[in-house]
Amino acid sequence: MTQAEILQELKKLTPTERLTIIEAALRLVREDLQQVGQVEQSLAQTERKQQLTAAAEALFPDYTAGGELTIFTALDHEEFHTEE
């Protein structure tokens, strides 16, 4: 059924019947939009997790022995501040 046909059929109904149909249609649209929003949110969370995973994997060598961030562990047993 086309949009024009639906509108023609609606004209045959009373105003109360039209409002009832409009309310039901709006409920369906709201439900559809909520489902789309939930899917988009889920996709965004998945994408964010993938980005964080990629970042963690890229930085992993820096945190392993010999990486740039572990170079300072050689100083672990030295005094940082000595009072005179």
C-alpha atoms as a PDB file:
ATOM      1  CA  MET A   1       0.000   0.000   0.000  1.00  0.00           C
ATOM      2  CA  THR A   2       1.386   3.403  -0.946  1.00  0.00           C
ATOM      3  CA  GLN A   3       1.480   6.470   1.243  1.00  0.00           C
ATOM      4  CA  ALA A   4      -1.239   8.109  -0.859  1.00  0.00           C
ATOM      5  CA  GLU A   5      -3.482   5.068  -0.458  1.00  0.00           C
ATOM      6  CA  ILE A   6      -2.964   5.041   3.304  1.00  0.00           C
ATOM      7  CA  LEU A   7      -3.867   8.731   3.528  1.00  0.00           C
ATOM      8  CA  GLN A   8      -7.006   8.134   1.427  1.00  0.00           C
ATOM      9  CA  GLU A   9      -8.062   5.339   3.760  1.00  0.00           C
ATOM     10  CA  LEU A  10      -7.399   7.505   6.816  1.00  0.00           C
ATOM     11  CA  LYS A  11      -9.808  10.098   5.481  1.00  0.00           C
ATOM     12  CA  LYS A  12     -12.579   7.502   5.760  1.00  0.00           C
ATOM     13  CA  LEU A  13     -12.028   7.183   9.512  1.00  0.00           C
ATOM     14  CA  THR A  14     -13.306   9.368  12.331  1.00  0.00           C
ATOM     15  CA  PRO A  15     -10.863  11.792  13.965  1.00  0.00           C
ATOM     16  CA  THR A  16     -10.719   9.544  17.050  1.00  0.00           C
ATOM     17  CA  GLU A  17      -9.859   6.497  14.951  1.00  0.00           C
ATOM     18  CA  ARG A  18      -7.185   8.479  13.100  1.00  0.00           C
ATOM     19  CA  LEU A  19      -5.614   9.588  16.388  1.00  0.00           C
ATOM     20  CA  THR A  20      -5.563   6.009  17.641  1.00  0.00           C
ATOM     21  CA  ILE A  21      -3.756   4.885  14.495  1.00  0.00           C
ATOM     22  CA  ILE A  22      -1.318   7.814  14.664  1.00  0.00           C
ATOM     23  CA  GLU A  23      -0.494   7.040  18.303  1.00  0.00           C
ATOM     24  CA  ALA A  24       0.134   3.395  17.464  1.00  0.00           C
ATOM     25  CA  ALA A  25       2.356   4.383  14.532  1.00  0.00           C
ATOM     26  CA  LEU A  26       4.334   6.764  16.755  1.00  0.00           C
ATOM     27  CA  ARG A  27       4.876   3.991  19.296  1.00  0.00           C
ATOM     28  CA  LEU A  28       6.268   1.782  16.527  1.00  0.00           C
ATOM     29  CA  VAL A  29       8.588   4.557  15.350  1.00  0.00           C
ATOM     30  CA  ARG A  30       9.821   5.160  18.908  1.00  0.00           C
ATOM     31  CA  GLU A  31      10.540   1.451  19.363  1.00  0.00           C
ATOM     32  CA  ASP A  32      12.441   1.373  16.068  1.00  0.00           C
ATOM     33  CA  LEU A  33      14.484   4.429  17.044  1.00  0.00           C
ATOM     34  CA  GLN A  34      15.313   2.928  20.437  1.00  0.00           C
ATOM     35  CA  GLN A  35      16.507  -0.265  18.764  1.00  0.00           C
ATOM     36  CA  VAL A  36      18.637   1.731  16.322  1.00  0.00           C
ATOM     37  CA  GLY A  37      20.081   3.725  19.222  1.00  0.00           C
ATOM     38  CA  GLN A  38      20.944   0.539  21.091  1.00  0.00           C
ATOM     39  CA  VAL A  39      22.639  -0.916  18.015  1.00  0.00           C
ATOM     40  CA  GLU A  40      24.606   2.303  17.459  1.00  0.00           C
ATOM     41  CA  GLN A  41      25.664   2.372  21.108  1.00  0.00           C
ATOM     42  CA  SER A  42      26.775  -1.251  20.922  1.00  0.00           C
ATOM     43  CA  LEU A  43      28.758  -0.552  17.748  1.00  0.00           C
ATOM     44  CA  ALA A  44      30.367   2.504  19.357  1.00  0.00           C
ATOM     45  CA  GLN A  45      31.405   0.430  22.383  1.00  0.00           C
ATOM     46  CA  THR A  46      32.841  -2.273  20.128  1.00  0.00           C
ATOM     47  CA  GLU A  47      34.751   0.303  18.092  1.00  0.00           C
ATOM     48  CA  ARG A  48      36.089   1.952  21.250  1.00  0.00           C
ATOM     49  CA  LYS A  49      37.240  -1.415  22.596  1.00  0.00           C
ATOM     50  CA  GLN A  50      39.019  -2.150  19.303  1.00  0.00           C
ATOM     51  CA  GLN A  51      40.757   1.243  19.426  1.00  0.00           C
ATOM     52  CA  LEU A  52      41.902   0.683  23.010  1.00  0.00           C
ATOM     53  CA  THR A  53      43.127  -2.814  22.168  1.00  0.00           C
ATOM     54  CA  ALA A  54      45.107  -1.499  19.198  1.00  0.00           C
ATOM     55  CA  ALA A  55      46.630   1.254  21.352  1.00  0.00           C
ATOM     56  CA  ALA A  56      47.576  -1.207  24.100  1.00  0.00           C
ATOM     57  CA  GLU A  57      49.160  -3.564  21.572  1.00  0.00           C
ATOM     58  CA  ALA A  58      51.127  -0.685  20.034  1.00  0.00           C
ATOM     59  CA  LEU A  59      52.503   0.341  23.444  1.00  0.00           C
ATOM     60  CA  PHE A  60      53.185  -3.175  24.714  1.00  0.00           C
ATOM     61  CA  PRO A  61      56.872  -3.182  23.684  1.00  0.00           C
ATOM     62  CA  ASP A  62      57.433  -0.008  25.719  1.00  0.00           C
ATOM     63  CA  TYR A  63      56.299  -1.776  28.873  1.00  0.00           C
ATOM     64  CA  THR A  64      58.222  -5.006  28.400  1.00  0.00           C
ATOM     65  CA  ALA A  65      61.820  -5.549  29.466  1.00  0.00           C
ATOM     66  CA  GLY A  66      64.121  -3.368  27.420  1.00  0.00           C
ATOM     67  CA  GLY A  67      61.356  -1.015  26.340  1.00  0.00           C
ATOM     68  CA  GLU A  68      61.677   2.738  26.710  1.00  0.00           C
ATOM     69  CA  LEU A  69      59.610   2.893  29.883  1.00  0.00           C
ATOM     70  CA  THR A  70      61.595   0.168  31.618  1.00  0.00           C
ATOM     71  CA  ILE A  71      64.982   1.805  31.040  1.00  0.00           C
ATOM     72  CA  PHE A  72      64.682   3.652  34.342  1.00  0.00           C
ATOM     73  CA  THR A  73      64.321   0.449  36.367  1.00  0.00           C
ATOM     74  CA  ALA A  74      68.109   0.355  36.502  1.00  0.00           C
ATOM     75  CA  LEU A  75      67.811   3.253  38.941  1.00  0.00           C
ATOM     76  CA  ASP A  76      65.407   1.436  41.271  1.00  0.00           C
ATOM     77  CA  HIS A  77      68.022   0.835  43.974  1.00  0.00           C
ATOM     78  CA  GLU A  78      69.727   4.207  43.799  1.00  0.00           C
ATOM     79  CA  GLU A  79      68.960   7.127  46.056  1.00  0.00           C
ATOM     80  CA  PHE A  80      66.978   9.849  44.350  1.00  0.00           C
ATOM     81  CA  HIS A  81      67.314  12.505  46.996  1.00  0.00           C
ATOM     82  CA  THR A  82      70.141  12.717  49.435  1.00  0.00           C
ATOM     83  CA  GLU A  83      70.275  15.217  52.260  1.00  0.00           C
ATOM     84  CA  GLU A  84      73.539  16.906  52.967  1.00  0.00           C
END
